[in-house]
């Protein structure tokens, strides 16, 4: 387990966070884009409101952009998708492990849709 402090609304911090994670874990395969602001949450006012909005909106975009950039650099994203890849995704969704996934559009595209 590794821990890094970062401001997800700061592109520099997010790039450092990804670099640290990649070094510690040997690579990146998944992004869970979940951020919050430390401190009491019962009464959020003034500047804290702006910080929460930045973390939730700006941070989401910066994190997604950085992950996309890194995934596009990887060889695994530049491979052709087979019918078996699609079948494996459907099989996962039909198992107990996928039971909480519903109403989602899942693209089994090998990253092709991001190669613009």
C-alpha atoms as a PDB file:
ATOM      1  CA  UNK A   1       0.000   0.000   0.000  1.00  0.00           C
ATOM      2  CA  UNK A   2       1.245   3.451  -0.835  1.00  0.00           C
ATOM      3  CA  UNK A   3      -0.086   6.872   0.062  1.00  0.00           C
ATOM      4  CA  UNK A   4       0.476  10.203  -1.662  1.00  0.00           C
ATOM      5  CA  UNK A   5      -1.054  13.565  -0.904  1.00  0.00           C
ATOM      6  CA  UNK A   6      -2.157  15.578  -3.944  1.00  0.00           C
ATOM      7  CA  UNK A   7      -4.486  18.369  -4.980  1.00  0.00           C
ATOM      8  CA  UNK A   8      -6.536  16.733  -7.732  1.00  0.00           C
ATOM      9  CA  UNK A   9      -7.458  20.164  -9.092  1.00  0.00           C
ATOM     10  CA  UNK A  10      -3.752  20.800  -9.835  1.00  0.00           C
ATOM     11  CA  UNK A  11      -2.410  19.280 -13.054  1.00  0.00           C
ATOM     12  CA  UNK A  12       1.155  19.247 -11.634  1.00  0.00           C
ATOM     13  CA  UNK A  13       0.025  17.395  -8.502  1.00  0.00           C
ATOM     14  CA  UNK A  14      -1.948  14.857 -10.535  1.00  0.00           C
ATOM     15  CA  UNK A  15       1.017  14.192 -12.837  1.00  0.00           C
ATOM     16  CA  UNK A  16       3.231  13.665  -9.757  1.00  0.00           C
ATOM     17  CA  UNK A  17       0.580  11.401  -8.204  1.00  0.00           C
ATOM     18  CA  UNK A  18       0.444   9.233 -11.329  1.00  0.00           C
ATOM     19  CA  UNK A  19       4.240   9.101 -11.595  1.00  0.00           C
ATOM     20  CA  UNK A  20       4.545   8.062  -7.916  1.00  0.00           C
ATOM     21  CA  UNK A  21       1.824   5.428  -8.301  1.00  0.00           C
ATOM     22  CA  UNK A  22       3.344   4.031 -11.480  1.00  0.00           C
ATOM     23  CA  UNK A  23       6.761   3.763  -9.835  1.00  0.00           C
ATOM     24  CA  UNK A  24       5.365   2.146  -6.657  1.00  0.00           C
ATOM     25  CA  UNK A  25       3.014  -0.270  -8.442  1.00  0.00           C
ATOM     26  CA  UNK A  26       4.993  -1.017 -11.588  1.00  0.00           C
ATOM     27  CA  UNK A  27       2.245   0.273 -13.885  1.00  0.00           C
ATOM     28  CA  UNK A  28      -1.313   1.563 -13.966  1.00  0.00           C
ATOM     29  CA  UNK A  29      -4.323  -0.344 -15.244  1.00  0.00           C
ATOM     30  CA  UNK A  30      -7.305   1.234 -13.471  1.00  0.00           C
ATOM     31  CA  UNK A  31      -8.340   4.703 -12.328  1.00  0.00           C
ATOM     32  CA  UNK A  32     -10.824   5.155  -9.499  1.00  0.00           C
ATOM     33  CA  UNK A  33     -11.553   8.852  -9.736  1.00  0.00           C
ATOM     34  CA  UNK A  34     -12.753   9.671  -6.220  1.00  0.00           C
ATOM     35  CA  UNK A  35     -11.645  12.766  -4.309  1.00  0.00           C
ATOM     36  CA  UNK A  36     -12.750  14.852  -1.401  1.00  0.00           C
ATOM     37  CA  UNK A  37     -11.700  17.720   0.809  1.00  0.00           C
ATOM     38  CA  UNK A  38     -10.390  16.937   4.290  1.00  0.00           C
ATOM     39  CA  UNK A  39     -12.111  18.556   7.248  1.00  0.00           C
ATOM     40  CA  UNK A  40     -15.592  18.881   8.737  1.00  0.00           C
ATOM     41  CA  UNK A  41     -18.359  18.345   6.220  1.00  0.00           C
ATOM     42  CA  UNK A  42     -21.387  19.394   8.277  1.00  0.00           C
ATOM     43  CA  UNK A  43     -21.014  23.060   7.332  1.00  0.00           C
ATOM     44  CA  UNK A  44     -19.221  23.863   4.078  1.00  0.00           C
ATOM     45  CA  UNK A  45     -19.083  27.580   3.349  1.00  0.00           C
ATOM     46  CA  UNK A  46     -17.077  30.203   1.495  1.00  0.00           C
ATOM     47  CA  UNK A  47     -13.758  29.120  -0.003  1.00  0.00           C
ATOM     48  CA  UNK A  48     -14.346  25.506   1.006  1.00  0.00           C
ATOM     49  CA  UNK A  49     -17.357  25.363  -1.323  1.00  0.00           C
ATOM     50  CA  UNK A  50     -15.126  26.384  -4.231  1.00  0.00           C
ATOM     51  CA  UNK A  51     -12.473  23.815  -3.251  1.00  0.00           C
ATOM     52  CA  UNK A  52     -15.074  21.025  -3.111  1.00  0.00           C
ATOM     53  CA  UNK A  53     -16.400  22.004  -6.547  1.00  0.00           C
ATOM     54  CA  UNK A  54     -12.856  22.125  -7.975  1.00  0.00           C
ATOM     55  CA  UNK A  55     -11.972  18.724  -6.545  1.00  0.00           C
ATOM     56  CA  UNK A  56     -15.140  17.119  -7.860  1.00  0.00           C
ATOM     57  CA  UNK A  57     -15.244  18.676 -11.331  1.00  0.00           C
ATOM     58  CA  UNK A  58     -11.807  19.920 -12.337  1.00  0.00           C
ATOM     59  CA  UNK A  59     -10.116  17.018 -10.561  1.00  0.00           C
ATOM     60  CA  UNK A  60     -12.236  14.512 -12.441  1.00  0.00           C
ATOM     61  CA  UNK A  61     -11.194  15.914 -15.817  1.00  0.00           C
ATOM     62  CA  UNK A  62      -7.496  16.212 -14.958  1.00  0.00           C
ATOM     63  CA  UNK A  63      -7.382  12.647 -13.597  1.00  0.00           C
ATOM     64  CA  UNK A  64      -9.150  11.236 -16.653  1.00  0.00           C
ATOM     65  CA  UNK A  65      -6.873  13.166 -19.027  1.00  0.00           C
ATOM     66  CA  UNK A  66      -3.717  11.921 -17.313  1.00  0.00           C
ATOM     67  CA  UNK A  67      -4.906   8.296 -17.200  1.00  0.00           C
ATOM     68  CA  UNK A  68      -5.920   8.431 -20.880  1.00  0.00           C
ATOM     69  CA  UNK A  69      -2.523   9.847 -21.842  1.00  0.00           C
ATOM     70  CA  UNK A  70      -0.694   7.110 -19.941  1.00  0.00           C
ATOM     71  CA  UNK A  71      -2.906   4.309 -21.264  1.00  0.00           C
ATOM     72  CA  UNK A  72      -2.463   5.469 -24.842  1.00  0.00           C
ATOM     73  CA  UNK A  73       1.288   5.206 -24.358  1.00  0.00           C
ATOM     74  CA  UNK A  74       0.949   1.566 -23.324  1.00  0.00           C
ATOM     75  CA  UNK A  75       1.171  -1.225 -25.870  1.00  0.00           C
ATOM     76  CA  UNK A  76      -1.806  -3.109 -24.434  1.00  0.00           C
ATOM     77  CA  UNK A  77      -4.207  -0.385 -25.542  1.00  0.00           C
ATOM     78  CA  UNK A  78      -3.045  -0.574 -29.128  1.00  0.00           C
ATOM     79  CA  UNK A  79      -4.163  -4.134 -29.777  1.00  0.00           C
ATOM     80  CA  UNK A  80      -7.102  -5.451 -31.740  1.00  0.00           C
ATOM     81  CA  UNK A  81     -10.132  -6.599 -29.789  1.00  0.00           C
ATOM     82  CA  UNK A  82     -11.235 -10.169 -30.348  1.00  0.00           C
ATOM     83  CA  UNK A  83     -14.667 -11.711 -29.980  1.00  0.00           C
ATOM     84  CA  UNK A  84     -13.240 -13.527 -26.945  1.00  0.00           C
ATOM     85  CA  UNK A  85     -12.511 -10.141 -25.304  1.00  0.00           C
ATOM     86  CA  UNK A  86     -16.165  -9.157 -25.715  1.00  0.00           C
ATOM     87  CA  UNK A  87     -17.303 -12.569 -24.448  1.00  0.00           C
ATOM     88  CA  UNK A  88     -15.039 -12.255 -21.377  1.00  0.00           C
ATOM     89  CA  UNK A  89     -16.622  -8.902 -20.535  1.00  0.00           C
ATOM     90  CA  UNK A  90     -20.127 -10.329 -20.883  1.00  0.00           C
ATOM     91  CA  UNK A  91     -19.124 -13.324 -18.768  1.00  0.00           C
ATOM     92  CA  UNK A  92     -17.782 -11.052 -16.018  1.00  0.00           C
ATOM     93  CA  UNK A  93     -21.034  -9.069 -15.989  1.00  0.00           C
ATOM     94  CA  UNK A  94     -22.974 -12.313 -15.625  1.00  0.00           C
ATOM     95  CA  UNK A  95     -20.963 -13.452 -12.593  1.00  0.00           C
ATOM     96  CA  UNK A  96     -21.413 -12.587  -8.948  1.00  0.00           C
ATOM     97  CA  UNK A  97     -18.480 -10.169  -9.237  1.00  0.00           C
ATOM     98  CA  UNK A  98     -20.441  -8.058 -11.741  1.00  0.00           C
ATOM     99  CA  UNK A  99     -23.780  -8.151  -9.943  1.00  0.00           C
ATOM    100  CA  UNK A 100     -23.718  -4.469  -8.937  1.00  0.00           C
ATOM    101  CA  UNK A 101     -23.015  -3.176 -12.437  1.00  0.00           C
ATOM    102  CA  UNK A 102     -26.179  -2.160 -14.259  1.00  0.00           C
ATOM    103  CA  UNK A 103     -27.278   0.479 -16.732  1.00  0.00           C
ATOM    104  CA  UNK A 104     -23.729   1.076 -17.972  1.00  0.00           C
ATOM    105  CA  UNK A 105     -22.321   1.311 -21.445  1.00  0.00           C
ATOM    106  CA  UNK A 106     -19.096  -0.685 -21.475  1.00  0.00           C
ATOM    107  CA  UNK A 107     -16.901  -0.263 -24.511  1.00  0.00           C
ATOM    108  CA  UNK A 108     -14.631  -3.203 -25.255  1.00  0.00           C
ATOM    109  CA  UNK A 109     -12.546  -1.312 -27.782  1.00  0.00           C
ATOM    110  CA  UNK A 110      -8.904  -1.710 -26.775  1.00  0.00           C
ATOM    111  CA  UNK A 111      -8.685   2.055 -26.479  1.00  0.00           C
ATOM    112  CA  UNK A 112      -9.392   2.636 -30.163  1.00  0.00           C
ATOM    113  CA  UNK A 113     -12.074   5.229 -29.429  1.00  0.00           C
ATOM    114  CA  UNK A 114      -9.460   7.364 -27.606  1.00  0.00           C
ATOM    115  CA  UNK A 115      -6.904   7.288 -30.433  1.00  0.00           C
ATOM    116  CA  UNK A 116      -7.943  10.518 -32.077  1.00  0.00           C
END
